[in-house]
Amino acid sequence: MTETGTTTPVVAEREDTRTDGPMTGGERTVLDHWLDLYRDTALLKMAGLDAEQLARRAVPPSSLSLIGIVRHLTEVEAYWLRVVLLDEQDVPDYYCTPTSQDGDFDDIDPATAAADVAAYQAEVATTRANAAAWTDLSVPVRGLRRGKPVNLRWILTHLIEEYARHLGHMDLLREAIDGRTGY
């Protein structure tokens, strides 16, 4: 609590500037738009909440929390758009380790919430640039997924699906925390 009796939000409130995007755009433009829209939505779902609220496991018996989901999305971004896309071998595990395979969800701490959000934002900046530099959706990327080739079209589609699923979780968690709903 601050001296005024209010808590400090980890993600500041801001105007929602999301749009439907290019509804008649080309394939790459549309895929990039939806992924960016969902990245932005994740931050909007956390806006105005303090670290304790972000770490709250608000929908028992699930152990999901808003910060756990953001930590997971950080790992997802790094895996798909660094390890698989570019075959980077030195990408550190942010939260998941051999001894804590679900560390992104399980090993949360309000004390690290701000750093976790900053790590997510930094990873998104890196992965957004990586994807933008890869211009062909059809050719196989440098890395493999479970020993099989994959292209950027598949990766972007999968990331959109991954975000959509977890944004649904975030909707429920946010509503349970403070009643806020919305797209």
Protein backbone atom coordinates (compact mmCIF):
# COMPACT_ATOMS: atom_id res chain seq x y z
CA MET A 1 0.00 0.00 0.00
CA THR A 2 1.14 3.50 -0.67
CA GLU A 3 0.84 6.33 1.82
CA THR A 4 -2.46 7.42 0.26
CA GLY A 5 -4.03 4.03 0.94
CA THR A 6 -4.03 2.90 -2.69
CA THR A 7 -1.96 0.22 -4.31
CA THR A 8 0.47 0.77 -7.14
CA PRO A 9 -0.49 -0.95 -10.38
CA VAL A 10 2.19 -3.02 -12.08
CA VAL A 11 0.72 -2.22 -15.50
CA ALA A 12 -0.66 1.31 -15.74
CA GLU A 13 -4.16 1.97 -16.97
CA ARG A 14 -4.21 3.34 -20.51
CA GLU A 15 -6.61 4.03 -23.30
CA ASP A 16 -7.67 0.98 -25.28
CA THR A 17 -6.57 1.75 -28.82
CA ARG A 18 -7.07 -1.73 -30.28
CA THR A 19 -8.87 -1.96 -33.63
CA ASP A 20 -10.22 -4.66 -35.91
CA GLY A 21 -7.19 -4.03 -38.07
CA PRO A 22 -6.91 -4.61 -41.80
CA MET A 23 -10.08 -6.57 -42.48
CA THR A 24 -9.17 -7.01 -46.15
CA GLY A 25 -5.42 -7.14 -45.63
CA GLY A 26 -2.99 -9.69 -46.91
CA GLU A 27 -2.23 -12.88 -44.99
CA ARG A 28 0.91 -11.64 -43.25
CA THR A 29 -0.63 -8.30 -42.33
CA VAL A 30 -3.66 -9.99 -40.79
CA LEU A 31 -1.62 -12.59 -38.88
CA ASP A 32 0.71 -9.92 -37.49
CA HIS A 33 -2.25 -7.73 -36.53
CA TRP A 34 -4.04 -10.45 -34.56
CA LEU A 35 -0.90 -11.50 -32.73
CA ASP A 36 -0.11 -7.91 -31.78
CA LEU A 37 -3.72 -7.28 -30.77
CA TYR A 38 -3.59 -10.27 -28.42
CA ARG A 39 -0.23 -9.20 -27.00
CA ASP A 40 -1.77 -5.82 -26.24
CA THR A 41 -4.88 -7.46 -24.78
CA ALA A 42 -2.75 -9.42 -22.30
CA LEU A 43 -1.37 -6.16 -20.93
CA LEU A 44 -4.81 -4.54 -20.84
CA LYS A 45 -6.13 -7.50 -18.82
CA MET A 46 -3.55 -6.68 -16.13
CA ALA A 47 -3.85 -2.89 -16.23
CA GLY A 48 -4.57 -1.24 -12.91
CA LEU A 49 -3.83 -4.28 -10.75
CA ASP A 50 -1.12 -4.44 -8.11
CA ALA A 51 1.40 -7.25 -7.68
CA GLU A 52 -0.70 -9.14 -5.12
CA GLN A 53 -3.70 -9.09 -7.44
CA LEU A 54 -1.63 -10.26 -10.41
CA ALA A 55 -0.33 -13.20 -8.36
CA ARG A 56 -3.76 -14.13 -6.98
CA ARG A 57 -5.01 -17.58 -7.91
CA ALA A 58 -8.53 -16.29 -8.19
CA VAL A 59 -10.43 -19.23 -9.71
CA PRO A 60 -10.00 -22.28 -7.45
CA PRO A 61 -9.16 -25.07 -7.80
CA SER A 62 -7.04 -23.76 -10.70
CA SER A 63 -3.59 -22.53 -9.79
CA LEU A 64 -3.60 -20.04 -12.68
CA SER A 65 -2.85 -16.40 -12.02
CA LEU A 66 -2.55 -13.43 -14.32
CA ILE A 67 1.18 -13.14 -13.70
CA GLY A 68 1.62 -16.90 -14.22
CA ILE A 69 -0.03 -16.63 -17.62
CA VAL A 70 2.18 -13.69 -18.60
CA ARG A 71 5.24 -15.64 -17.48
CA HIS A 72 4.03 -18.56 -19.64
CA LEU A 73 3.52 -16.25 -22.63
CA THR A 74 7.08 -14.98 -22.17
CA GLU A 75 8.34 -18.56 -22.45
CA VAL A 76 6.05 -19.22 -25.44
CA GLU A 77 7.30 -16.14 -27.31
CA ALA A 78 10.95 -17.07 -26.69
CA TYR A 79 10.45 -20.69 -27.72
CA TRP A 80 8.57 -20.13 -30.95
CA LEU A 81 10.15 -16.95 -32.25
CA ARG A 82 13.71 -17.54 -31.11
CA VAL A 83 14.33 -21.26 -30.60
CA VAL A 84 12.13 -22.59 -33.40
CA LEU A 85 12.13 -19.67 -35.86
CA LEU A 86 15.85 -18.88 -35.67
CA ASP A 87 17.22 -22.06 -34.08
CA GLU A 88 18.78 -20.03 -31.25
CA GLN A 89 20.36 -22.47 -28.84
CA ASP A 90 21.30 -20.08 -26.05
CA VAL A 91 17.80 -18.87 -25.11
CA PRO A 92 17.53 -19.13 -21.33
CA ASP A 93 14.53 -20.67 -19.65
CA TYR A 94 12.85 -17.76 -17.94
CA TYR A 95 10.83 -19.76 -15.44
CA CYS A 96 10.55 -23.41 -16.47
CA THR A 97 13.45 -25.62 -15.49
CA PRO A 98 14.05 -29.37 -15.33
CA THR A 99 13.25 -29.24 -11.59
CA SER A 100 10.20 -26.99 -12.06
CA GLN A 101 8.71 -27.75 -15.46
CA ASP A 102 5.67 -25.58 -14.74
CA GLY A 103 7.65 -22.85 -13.01
CA ASP A 104 6.01 -20.23 -15.20
CA PHE A 105 2.66 -20.97 -13.54
CA ASP A 106 3.75 -22.43 -10.22
CA ASP A 107 6.70 -20.40 -8.94
CA ILE A 108 5.06 -17.00 -8.85
CA ASP A 109 5.79 -14.29 -6.33
CA PRO A 110 4.21 -10.84 -6.09
CA ALA A 111 7.70 -9.46 -5.40
CA THR A 112 8.75 -10.30 -8.97
CA ALA A 113 5.54 -9.28 -10.76
CA ALA A 114 6.92 -6.02 -12.16
CA ALA A 115 10.09 -7.76 -13.34
CA ASP A 116 7.97 -10.54 -14.89
CA VAL A 117 5.91 -8.00 -16.85
CA ALA A 118 9.09 -6.22 -17.95
CA ALA A 119 10.57 -9.54 -19.11
CA TYR A 120 7.41 -10.21 -21.13
CA GLN A 121 7.55 -6.79 -22.76
CA ALA A 122 11.25 -7.15 -23.57
CA GLU A 123 10.74 -10.62 -25.02
CA VAL A 124 7.85 -9.42 -27.18
CA ALA A 125 10.03 -6.61 -28.54
CA THR A 126 12.71 -9.16 -29.47
CA THR A 127 10.34 -11.72 -30.94
CA ARG A 128 8.33 -9.11 -32.86
CA ALA A 129 11.58 -8.00 -34.55
CA ASN A 130 12.58 -11.61 -35.23
CA ALA A 131 9.26 -12.38 -36.91
CA ALA A 132 9.29 -9.13 -38.91
CA ALA A 133 12.72 -9.99 -40.31
CA TRP A 134 11.46 -13.36 -41.58
CA THR A 135 9.57 -12.38 -44.70
CA ASP A 136 8.43 -15.72 -46.18
CA LEU A 137 5.53 -17.44 -44.44
CA SER A 138 5.91 -20.64 -46.47
CA VAL A 139 9.54 -21.75 -46.25
CA PRO A 140 10.63 -23.92 -43.32
CA VAL A 141 12.17 -21.93 -40.48
CA ARG A 142 15.67 -22.66 -39.16
CA GLY A 143 14.66 -24.75 -36.16
CA LEU A 144 12.43 -27.77 -35.75
CA ARG A 145 9.41 -28.56 -33.61
CA ARG A 146 9.71 -32.06 -32.16
CA GLY A 147 12.08 -32.96 -34.98
CA LYS A 148 9.76 -31.74 -37.72
CA PRO A 149 10.05 -28.69 -39.98
CA VAL A 150 7.55 -25.88 -39.54
CA ASN A 151 7.00 -22.56 -41.31
CA LEU A 152 6.27 -19.09 -39.96
CA ARG A 153 2.63 -19.30 -41.08
CA TRP A 154 2.13 -22.25 -38.74
CA ILE A 155 4.01 -20.54 -35.90
CA LEU A 156 1.99 -17.31 -36.13
CA THR A 157 -1.29 -19.23 -36.33
CA HIS A 158 -0.28 -21.30 -33.31
CA LEU A 159 0.70 -18.19 -31.35
CA ILE A 160 -2.68 -16.60 -32.09
CA GLU A 161 -4.37 -19.76 -30.81
CA GLU A 162 -2.14 -19.84 -27.72
CA TYR A 163 -2.91 -16.23 -26.85
CA ALA A 164 -6.64 -16.63 -27.50
CA ARG A 165 -6.83 -19.59 -25.12
CA HIS A 166 -4.92 -17.86 -22.36
CA LEU A 167 -6.77 -14.57 -22.81
CA GLY A 168 -9.93 -16.50 -22.01
CA HIS A 169 -8.29 -17.61 -18.78
CA MET A 170 -7.24 -14.02 -18.10
CA ASP A 171 -10.85 -12.86 -18.62
CA LEU A 172 -12.06 -15.19 -15.87
CA LEU A 173 -9.22 -14.34 -13.51
CA ARG A 174 -9.67 -10.59 -13.94
CA GLU A 175 -13.41 -10.80 -13.37
CA ALA A 176 -12.87 -12.84 -10.19
CA ILE A 177 -10.32 -10.30 -8.90
CA ASP A 178 -12.21 -7.05 -9.38
CA GLY A 179 -15.26 -7.68 -11.53
CA ARG A 180 -13.82 -6.06 -14.66
CA THR A 181 -14.89 -7.67 -17.90
CA GLY A 182 -14.35 -6.80 -21.52
CA TYR A 183 -12.57 -7.77 -24.69
